[in-house]
Amino acid sequence: MTDEVDAGLTKLVQSLSARPALHHASLAVSSADGQRRWAGGSGPQGSAEPEVRPEAPFFIASITKRFIITLVLQGHARFGA
């Protein structure tokens, strides 16, 4: 990743976590060939710990359905029916 892309993605994650309705933001991006990857996270702005740590709570509500269906579809695409 270039420095400009890294800075832009970092700014995006920070701006997302600054929204009043969000607690934390985490983003991971990978190229189709897996050669380029970026991951980052941010906590609430102005908090004592704005960095996202493994023990930080994530409020995922009911979006787990999207994760499950993504795994199912990936498995179907890889192994077929």
N, C-alpha and C. Protein backbone atom coordinates (compact mmCIF):
# COMPACT_ATOMS: atom_id res chain seq x y z
N MET A 1 0.83 -1.18 0.00
CA MET A 1 0.00 0.00 0.00
C MET A 1 0.88 1.25 0.00
N THR A 2 0.42 2.24 -0.68
CA THR A 2 1.15 3.50 -0.67
C THR A 2 0.81 4.27 0.61
N ASP A 3 1.65 5.24 0.92
CA ASP A 3 1.41 6.06 2.10
C ASP A 3 0.09 6.82 1.98
N GLU A 4 -0.26 7.26 0.76
CA GLU A 4 -1.50 8.00 0.56
C GLU A 4 -2.72 7.12 0.82
N VAL A 5 -2.66 5.87 0.35
CA VAL A 5 -3.78 4.94 0.57
C VAL A 5 -3.89 4.63 2.06
N ASP A 6 -2.75 4.37 2.71
CA ASP A 6 -2.75 4.09 4.14
C ASP A 6 -3.36 5.26 4.92
N ALA A 7 -2.94 6.47 4.59
CA ALA A 7 -3.46 7.67 5.29
C ALA A 7 -4.96 7.83 5.04
N GLY A 8 -5.39 7.59 3.81
CA GLY A 8 -6.81 7.73 3.49
C GLY A 8 -7.67 6.71 4.21
N LEU A 9 -7.21 5.45 4.27
CA LEU A 9 -7.97 4.42 4.97
C LEU A 9 -7.99 4.67 6.47
N THR A 10 -6.86 5.14 7.01
CA THR A 10 -6.80 5.47 8.43
C THR A 10 -7.78 6.59 8.76
N LYS A 11 -7.81 7.61 7.91
CA LYS A 11 -8.73 8.74 8.11
C LYS A 11 -10.18 8.26 8.03
N LEU A 12 -10.48 7.36 7.11
CA LEU A 12 -11.83 6.81 6.98
C LEU A 12 -12.26 6.10 8.25
N VAL A 13 -11.40 5.24 8.78
CA VAL A 13 -11.73 4.49 9.99
C VAL A 13 -11.92 5.44 11.17
N GLN A 14 -11.07 6.44 11.27
CA GLN A 14 -11.19 7.41 12.36
C GLN A 14 -12.47 8.22 12.24
N SER A 15 -12.83 8.59 11.02
CA SER A 15 -14.06 9.38 10.85
C SER A 15 -15.30 8.53 11.15
N LEU A 16 -15.24 7.25 10.84
CA LEU A 16 -16.37 6.38 11.16
C LEU A 16 -16.55 6.25 12.67
N SER A 17 -15.46 6.07 13.39
CA SER A 17 -15.57 5.89 14.84
C SER A 17 -15.94 7.20 15.55
N ALA A 18 -15.83 8.32 14.86
CA ALA A 18 -16.21 9.61 15.45
C ALA A 18 -17.71 9.86 15.38
N ARG A 19 -18.43 9.05 14.64
CA ARG A 19 -19.88 9.22 14.54
C ARG A 19 -20.54 8.89 15.87
N PRO A 20 -21.53 9.66 16.26
CA PRO A 20 -22.15 9.48 17.57
C PRO A 20 -22.74 8.08 17.80
N ALA A 21 -23.28 7.46 16.78
CA ALA A 21 -23.95 6.18 16.95
C ALA A 21 -22.98 4.99 16.95
N LEU A 22 -21.71 5.23 16.67
CA LEU A 22 -20.73 4.14 16.60
C LEU A 22 -19.80 4.18 17.80
N HIS A 23 -19.37 3.01 18.21
CA HIS A 23 -18.44 2.92 19.33
C HIS A 23 -17.01 2.72 18.84
N HIS A 24 -16.83 1.83 17.91
CA HIS A 24 -15.52 1.51 17.35
C HIS A 24 -15.71 1.22 15.86
N ALA A 25 -14.63 1.31 15.12
CA ALA A 25 -14.67 0.93 13.70
C ALA A 25 -13.44 0.09 13.40
N SER A 26 -13.64 -0.94 12.61
CA SER A 26 -12.55 -1.81 12.21
C SER A 26 -12.73 -2.09 10.72
N LEU A 27 -11.64 -2.04 9.98
CA LEU A 27 -11.71 -2.24 8.54
C LEU A 27 -10.51 -3.07 8.09
N ALA A 28 -10.75 -4.03 7.23
CA ALA A 28 -9.68 -4.82 6.62
C ALA A 28 -9.94 -4.88 5.12
N VAL A 29 -8.90 -4.67 4.35
CA VAL A 29 -9.00 -4.67 2.90
C VAL A 29 -7.89 -5.57 2.35
N SER A 30 -8.23 -6.37 1.35
CA SER A 30 -7.24 -7.24 0.73
C SER A 30 -7.50 -7.28 -0.77
N SER A 31 -6.42 -7.29 -1.54
CA SER A 31 -6.58 -7.41 -2.98
C SER A 31 -7.00 -8.84 -3.31
N ALA A 32 -7.56 -9.03 -4.48
CA ALA A 32 -8.05 -10.35 -4.87
C ALA A 32 -6.94 -11.41 -4.87
N ASP A 33 -5.73 -11.01 -5.19
CA ASP A 33 -4.63 -11.97 -5.20
C ASP A 33 -3.96 -12.12 -3.84
N GLY A 34 -4.40 -11.36 -2.85
CA GLY A 34 -3.87 -11.46 -1.50
C GLY A 34 -2.50 -10.82 -1.31
N GLN A 35 -2.00 -10.14 -2.31
CA GLN A 35 -0.68 -9.53 -2.23
C GLN A 35 -0.67 -8.22 -1.45
N ARG A 36 -1.79 -7.51 -1.48
CA ARG A 36 -1.88 -6.22 -0.79
C ARG A 36 -2.95 -6.31 0.28
N ARG A 37 -2.57 -5.93 1.49
CA ARG A 37 -3.52 -5.99 2.60
C ARG A 37 -3.37 -4.75 3.47
N TRP A 38 -4.50 -4.37 4.08
CA TRP A 38 -4.49 -3.27 5.03
C TRP A 38 -5.55 -3.56 6.08
N ALA A 39 -5.23 -3.27 7.32
CA ALA A 39 -6.21 -3.42 8.40
C ALA A 39 -5.97 -2.31 9.41
N GLY A 40 -7.04 -1.81 9.97
CA GLY A 40 -6.93 -0.77 10.98
C GLY A 40 -8.20 -0.66 11.77
N GLY A 41 -8.11 0.04 12.87
CA GLY A 41 -9.27 0.24 13.72
C GLY A 41 -9.12 1.51 14.52
N SER A 42 -10.23 1.97 15.07
CA SER A 42 -10.21 3.20 15.85
C SER A 42 -11.34 3.14 16.86
N GLY A 43 -11.09 3.73 18.01
CA GLY A 43 -12.11 3.83 19.05
C GLY A 43 -12.70 5.22 19.05
N PRO A 44 -13.56 5.49 20.01
CA PRO A 44 -14.20 6.81 20.08
C PRO A 44 -13.16 7.93 20.20
N GLN A 45 -13.35 9.00 19.46
CA GLN A 45 -12.44 10.13 19.52
C GLN A 45 -12.52 10.78 20.89
N GLY A 46 -11.38 11.17 21.41
CA GLY A 46 -11.35 11.82 22.70
C GLY A 46 -11.38 10.87 23.88
N SER A 47 -11.46 9.56 23.62
CA SER A 47 -11.46 8.62 24.72
C SER A 47 -10.04 8.38 25.19
N ALA A 48 -9.91 7.80 26.35
CA ALA A 48 -8.58 7.53 26.91
C ALA A 48 -7.83 6.52 26.05
N GLU A 49 -8.56 5.60 25.41
CA GLU A 49 -7.94 4.59 24.57
C GLU A 49 -8.60 4.58 23.20
N PRO A 50 -8.19 5.49 22.30
CA PRO A 50 -8.83 5.53 20.98
C PRO A 50 -8.41 4.36 20.08
N GLU A 51 -7.34 3.65 20.46
CA GLU A 51 -6.91 2.52 19.65
C GLU A 51 -7.79 1.30 19.94
N VAL A 52 -8.02 0.52 18.93
CA VAL A 52 -8.79 -0.70 19.11
C VAL A 52 -7.84 -1.79 19.58
N ARG A 53 -8.19 -2.44 20.65
CA ARG A 53 -7.39 -3.52 21.22
C ARG A 53 -8.22 -4.80 21.20
N PRO A 54 -7.56 -5.96 21.30
CA PRO A 54 -8.32 -7.22 21.26
C PRO A 54 -9.42 -7.32 22.32
N GLU A 55 -9.23 -6.69 23.47
CA GLU A 55 -10.24 -6.77 24.52
C GLU A 55 -11.35 -5.73 24.39
N ALA A 56 -11.25 -4.85 23.38
CA ALA A 56 -12.26 -3.81 23.20
C ALA A 56 -13.58 -4.45 22.76
N PRO A 57 -14.70 -4.03 23.39
CA PRO A 57 -16.00 -4.60 22.99
C PRO A 57 -16.44 -4.05 21.63
N PHE A 58 -17.00 -4.92 20.81
CA PHE A 58 -17.57 -4.51 19.54
C PHE A 58 -19.05 -4.82 19.58
N PHE A 59 -19.87 -3.85 19.29
CA PHE A 59 -21.31 -4.00 19.32
C PHE A 59 -21.76 -4.37 17.91
N ILE A 60 -21.89 -5.67 17.67
CA ILE A 60 -22.18 -6.14 16.31
C ILE A 60 -23.66 -6.37 16.07
N ALA A 61 -24.47 -6.30 17.13
CA ALA A 61 -25.91 -6.44 17.00
C ALA A 61 -26.27 -7.67 16.18
N SER A 62 -27.08 -7.50 15.16
CA SER A 62 -27.52 -8.67 14.39
C SER A 62 -26.79 -8.80 13.06
N ILE A 63 -25.64 -8.19 12.93
CA ILE A 63 -24.92 -8.32 11.65
C ILE A 63 -24.19 -9.66 11.53
N THR A 64 -24.26 -10.49 12.59
CA THR A 64 -23.61 -11.80 12.49
C THR A 64 -24.21 -12.62 11.36
N LYS A 65 -25.46 -12.36 11.02
CA LYS A 65 -26.07 -13.08 9.89
C LYS A 65 -25.27 -12.86 8.61
N ARG A 66 -24.79 -11.66 8.42
CA ARG A 66 -23.99 -11.35 7.22
C ARG A 66 -22.67 -12.11 7.22
N PHE A 67 -22.07 -12.24 8.40
CA PHE A 67 -20.82 -13.00 8.49
C PHE A 67 -21.05 -14.47 8.16
N ILE A 68 -22.13 -15.03 8.71
CA ILE A 68 -22.42 -16.45 8.49
C ILE A 68 -22.70 -16.71 7.01
N ILE A 69 -23.54 -15.89 6.39
CA ILE A 69 -23.86 -16.12 4.98
C ILE A 69 -22.63 -15.92 4.10
N THR A 70 -21.75 -15.00 4.47
CA THR A 70 -20.50 -14.81 3.73
C THR A 70 -19.66 -16.08 3.79
N LEU A 71 -19.54 -16.67 4.95
CA LEU A 71 -18.79 -17.93 5.09
C LEU A 71 -19.43 -19.05 4.30
N VAL A 72 -20.76 -19.13 4.34
CA VAL A 72 -21.46 -20.17 3.59
C VAL A 72 -21.22 -19.99 2.09
N LEU A 73 -21.35 -18.77 1.60
CA LEU A 73 -21.15 -18.52 0.17
C LEU A 73 -19.70 -18.75 -0.25
N GLN A 74 -18.74 -18.38 0.61
CA GLN A 74 -17.34 -18.65 0.30
C GLN A 74 -17.09 -20.16 0.23
N GLY A 75 -17.66 -20.89 1.16
CA GLY A 75 -17.51 -22.35 1.15
C GLY A 75 -18.13 -22.96 -0.09
N HIS A 76 -19.30 -22.44 -0.47
CA HIS A 76 -19.97 -22.93 -1.68
C HIS A 76 -19.14 -22.64 -2.92
N ALA A 77 -18.59 -21.43 -2.98
CA ALA A 77 -17.77 -21.05 -4.16
C ALA A 77 -16.49 -21.89 -4.22
N ARG A 78 -15.94 -22.21 -3.09
CA ARG A 78 -14.67 -22.94 -3.08
C ARG A 78 -14.86 -24.45 -3.29
N PHE A 79 -15.86 -25.02 -2.63
CA PHE A 79 -16.02 -26.47 -2.66
C PHE A 79 -17.19 -26.95 -3.51
N GLY A 80 -18.02 -26.03 -3.95
CA GLY A 80 -19.15 -26.40 -4.80
C GLY A 80 -20.26 -27.06 -4.00
N ALA A 81 -21.35 -27.31 -4.69
CA ALA A 81 -22.51 -27.92 -4.00
C ALA A 81 -22.54 -29.41 -4.23
